[in-house]
Amino acid sequence: MYENMKALMGAKGISIETLAKLLGLHRDTVTNKLNGESEFTYGQAELIQEVLFPEYNIRYLFRRTQSA
């Protein structure tokens, strides 16, 4: 799971739909990626960081955490 990015999305009011539109993916696909069920490509990660979170390091955004 990408808890850092999910927390920042909430803080900045960025929805899963916004992220899906940016990436050209279905909402369910993005949800699966955020929950760690599938992976973001490096290109997707770079686009997310550059467009939505330019003030944050890509490693911070995409640091994976274990689910409880």
N, C-alpha and C. Protein backbone atom coordinates (compact mmCIF):
# COMPACT_ATOMS: atom_id res chain seq x y z
N MET A 1 0.84 -1.19 0.00
CA MET A 1 0.00 0.00 0.00
C MET A 1 0.88 1.24 0.00
N TYR A 2 0.38 2.25 -0.61
CA TYR A 2 1.12 3.51 -0.71
C TYR A 2 0.48 4.53 0.24
N GLU A 3 0.73 4.34 1.53
CA GLU A 3 0.09 5.17 2.55
C GLU A 3 0.47 6.64 2.43
N ASN A 4 1.73 6.94 2.10
CA ASN A 4 2.14 8.34 1.98
C ASN A 4 1.34 9.04 0.88
N MET A 5 1.26 8.41 -0.27
CA MET A 5 0.53 9.03 -1.37
C MET A 5 -0.96 9.12 -1.06
N LYS A 6 -1.52 8.08 -0.46
CA LYS A 6 -2.94 8.12 -0.13
C LYS A 6 -3.24 9.24 0.87
N ALA A 7 -2.37 9.43 1.85
CA ALA A 7 -2.56 10.50 2.83
C ALA A 7 -2.47 11.87 2.16
N LEU A 8 -1.51 12.04 1.27
CA LEU A 8 -1.36 13.31 0.57
C LEU A 8 -2.52 13.57 -0.39
N MET A 9 -3.03 12.53 -1.01
CA MET A 9 -4.21 12.70 -1.86
C MET A 9 -5.37 13.25 -1.03
N GLY A 10 -5.57 12.69 0.15
CA GLY A 10 -6.63 13.17 1.03
C GLY A 10 -6.41 14.61 1.45
N ALA A 11 -5.17 14.93 1.82
CA ALA A 11 -4.85 16.28 2.29
C ALA A 11 -5.02 17.32 1.19
N LYS A 12 -4.73 16.93 -0.05
CA LYS A 12 -4.82 17.86 -1.18
C LYS A 12 -6.16 17.77 -1.92
N GLY A 13 -7.03 16.89 -1.47
CA GLY A 13 -8.34 16.74 -2.11
C GLY A 13 -8.27 16.13 -3.50
N ILE A 14 -7.30 15.25 -3.72
CA ILE A 14 -7.14 14.59 -5.01
C ILE A 14 -7.86 13.25 -4.96
N SER A 15 -8.82 13.08 -5.84
CA SER A 15 -9.62 11.86 -5.84
C SER A 15 -8.98 10.76 -6.68
N ILE A 16 -9.46 9.56 -6.48
CA ILE A 16 -9.02 8.43 -7.30
C ILE A 16 -9.41 8.69 -8.75
N GLU A 17 -10.55 9.32 -8.97
CA GLU A 17 -10.99 9.64 -10.32
C GLU A 17 -10.01 10.60 -11.00
N THR A 18 -9.51 11.58 -10.26
CA THR A 18 -8.53 12.52 -10.81
C THR A 18 -7.26 11.78 -11.21
N LEU A 19 -6.81 10.90 -10.35
CA LEU A 19 -5.62 10.11 -10.63
C LEU A 19 -5.85 9.20 -11.84
N ALA A 20 -7.02 8.58 -11.91
CA ALA A 20 -7.35 7.70 -13.03
C ALA A 20 -7.35 8.48 -14.35
N LYS A 21 -7.93 9.66 -14.33
CA LYS A 21 -7.98 10.49 -15.55
C LYS A 21 -6.57 10.88 -15.99
N LEU A 22 -5.73 11.27 -15.05
CA LEU A 22 -4.35 11.64 -15.37
C LEU A 22 -3.62 10.48 -16.04
N LEU A 23 -3.84 9.27 -15.53
CA LEU A 23 -3.13 8.10 -16.03
C LEU A 23 -3.82 7.41 -17.20
N GLY A 24 -5.06 7.82 -17.48
CA GLY A 24 -5.81 7.17 -18.56
C GLY A 24 -6.21 5.75 -18.21
N LEU A 25 -6.52 5.54 -16.93
CA LEU A 25 -6.88 4.21 -16.44
C LEU A 25 -8.27 4.23 -15.82
N HIS A 26 -8.85 3.06 -15.66
CA HIS A 26 -10.13 2.93 -14.97
C HIS A 26 -9.92 3.14 -13.47
N ARG A 27 -10.93 3.67 -12.83
CA ARG A 27 -10.88 3.93 -11.38
C ARG A 27 -10.49 2.68 -10.59
N ASP A 28 -11.05 1.54 -10.96
CA ASP A 28 -10.76 0.29 -10.24
C ASP A 28 -9.30 -0.12 -10.38
N THR A 29 -8.72 0.14 -11.54
CA THR A 29 -7.31 -0.17 -11.76
C THR A 29 -6.43 0.67 -10.85
N VAL A 30 -6.76 1.95 -10.72
CA VAL A 30 -5.99 2.83 -9.85
C VAL A 30 -6.15 2.41 -8.39
N THR A 31 -7.35 2.04 -7.99
CA THR A 31 -7.57 1.55 -6.63
C THR A 31 -6.71 0.32 -6.35
N ASN A 32 -6.67 -0.60 -7.30
CA ASN A 32 -5.83 -1.79 -7.14
C ASN A 32 -4.36 -1.42 -7.00
N LYS A 33 -3.91 -0.46 -7.76
CA LYS A 33 -2.51 -0.03 -7.67
C LYS A 33 -2.23 0.62 -6.31
N LEU A 34 -3.12 1.49 -5.86
CA LEU A 34 -2.93 2.15 -4.57
C LEU A 34 -2.93 1.15 -3.41
N ASN A 35 -3.69 0.08 -3.56
CA ASN A 35 -3.77 -0.93 -2.51
C ASN A 35 -2.69 -1.99 -2.63
N GLY A 36 -1.80 -1.85 -3.61
CA GLY A 36 -0.69 -2.77 -3.76
C GLY A 36 -1.03 -4.07 -4.44
N GLU A 37 -2.20 -4.15 -5.05
CA GLU A 37 -2.60 -5.38 -5.75
C GLU A 37 -1.94 -5.48 -7.12
N SER A 38 -1.53 -4.35 -7.67
CA SER A 38 -0.75 -4.30 -8.89
C SER A 38 0.20 -3.12 -8.77
N GLU A 39 1.13 -3.01 -9.68
CA GLU A 39 2.20 -2.01 -9.58
C GLU A 39 1.96 -0.81 -10.49
N PHE A 40 2.41 0.36 -10.05
CA PHE A 40 2.52 1.50 -10.94
C PHE A 40 3.78 1.30 -11.77
N THR A 41 3.74 1.70 -13.03
CA THR A 41 4.97 1.70 -13.82
C THR A 41 5.79 2.90 -13.38
N TYR A 42 7.08 2.88 -13.74
CA TYR A 42 7.91 4.04 -13.39
C TYR A 42 7.37 5.29 -14.07
N GLY A 43 6.95 5.16 -15.31
CA GLY A 43 6.40 6.31 -16.03
C GLY A 43 5.16 6.88 -15.35
N GLN A 44 4.30 6.01 -14.85
CA GLN A 44 3.11 6.46 -14.13
C GLN A 44 3.50 7.17 -12.84
N ALA A 45 4.45 6.59 -12.11
CA ALA A 45 4.90 7.19 -10.86
C ALA A 45 5.50 8.57 -11.11
N GLU A 46 6.30 8.66 -12.14
CA GLU A 46 6.94 9.94 -12.48
C GLU A 46 5.89 10.99 -12.85
N LEU A 47 4.89 10.61 -13.63
CA LEU A 47 3.82 11.53 -14.02
C LEU A 47 3.04 12.01 -12.80
N ILE A 48 2.69 11.10 -11.92
CA ILE A 48 1.96 11.46 -10.70
C ILE A 48 2.76 12.46 -9.87
N GLN A 49 4.03 12.17 -9.68
CA GLN A 49 4.88 13.04 -8.87
C GLN A 49 5.02 14.41 -9.52
N GLU A 50 5.28 14.46 -10.81
CA GLU A 50 5.52 15.74 -11.49
C GLU A 50 4.27 16.61 -11.56
N VAL A 51 3.11 16.00 -11.80
CA VAL A 51 1.88 16.77 -12.00
C VAL A 51 1.16 17.08 -10.69
N LEU A 52 1.05 16.09 -9.81
CA LEU A 52 0.23 16.26 -8.61
C LEU A 52 1.00 16.57 -7.34
N PHE A 53 2.24 16.09 -7.26
CA PHE A 53 3.01 16.24 -6.02
C PHE A 53 4.44 16.68 -6.30
N PRO A 54 4.64 17.77 -7.03
CA PRO A 54 6.02 18.16 -7.39
C PRO A 54 6.88 18.51 -6.19
N GLU A 55 6.27 18.82 -5.08
CA GLU A 55 7.02 19.21 -3.89
C GLU A 55 7.51 18.00 -3.08
N TYR A 56 7.14 16.80 -3.51
CA TYR A 56 7.52 15.59 -2.79
C TYR A 56 8.44 14.70 -3.63
N ASN A 57 9.33 14.02 -2.96
CA ASN A 57 10.24 13.08 -3.59
C ASN A 57 9.48 11.84 -4.03
N ILE A 58 9.81 11.33 -5.20
CA ILE A 58 9.12 10.16 -5.74
C ILE A 58 9.27 8.94 -4.82
N ARG A 59 10.42 8.81 -4.19
CA ARG A 59 10.63 7.68 -3.27
C ARG A 59 9.71 7.78 -2.05
N TYR A 60 9.50 9.00 -1.56
CA TYR A 60 8.59 9.19 -0.43
C TYR A 60 7.16 8.81 -0.85
N LEU A 61 6.73 9.31 -1.99
CA LEU A 61 5.37 9.05 -2.45
C LEU A 61 5.09 7.57 -2.63
N PHE A 62 6.06 6.86 -3.17
CA PHE A 62 5.83 5.47 -3.54
C PHE A 62 6.48 4.46 -2.60
N ARG A 63 6.79 4.91 -1.40
CA ARG A 63 7.28 3.98 -0.38
C ARG A 63 6.14 3.04 -0.02
N ARG A 64 6.40 1.77 -0.13
CA ARG A 64 5.37 0.77 0.15
C ARG A 64 5.34 0.43 1.63
N THR A 65 4.13 0.27 2.14
CA THR A 65 3.95 -0.14 3.52
C THR A 65 3.17 -1.45 3.53
N GLN A 66 3.38 -2.21 4.56
CA GLN A 66 2.66 -3.48 4.71
C GLN A 66 1.27 -3.20 5.25
N SER A 67 0.28 -3.90 4.74
CA SER A 67 -1.07 -3.75 5.28
C SER A 67 -1.15 -4.50 6.61
N ALA A 68 -2.03 -4.01 7.47
CA ALA A 68 -2.15 -4.59 8.81
C ALA A 68 -2.79 -5.94 8.79
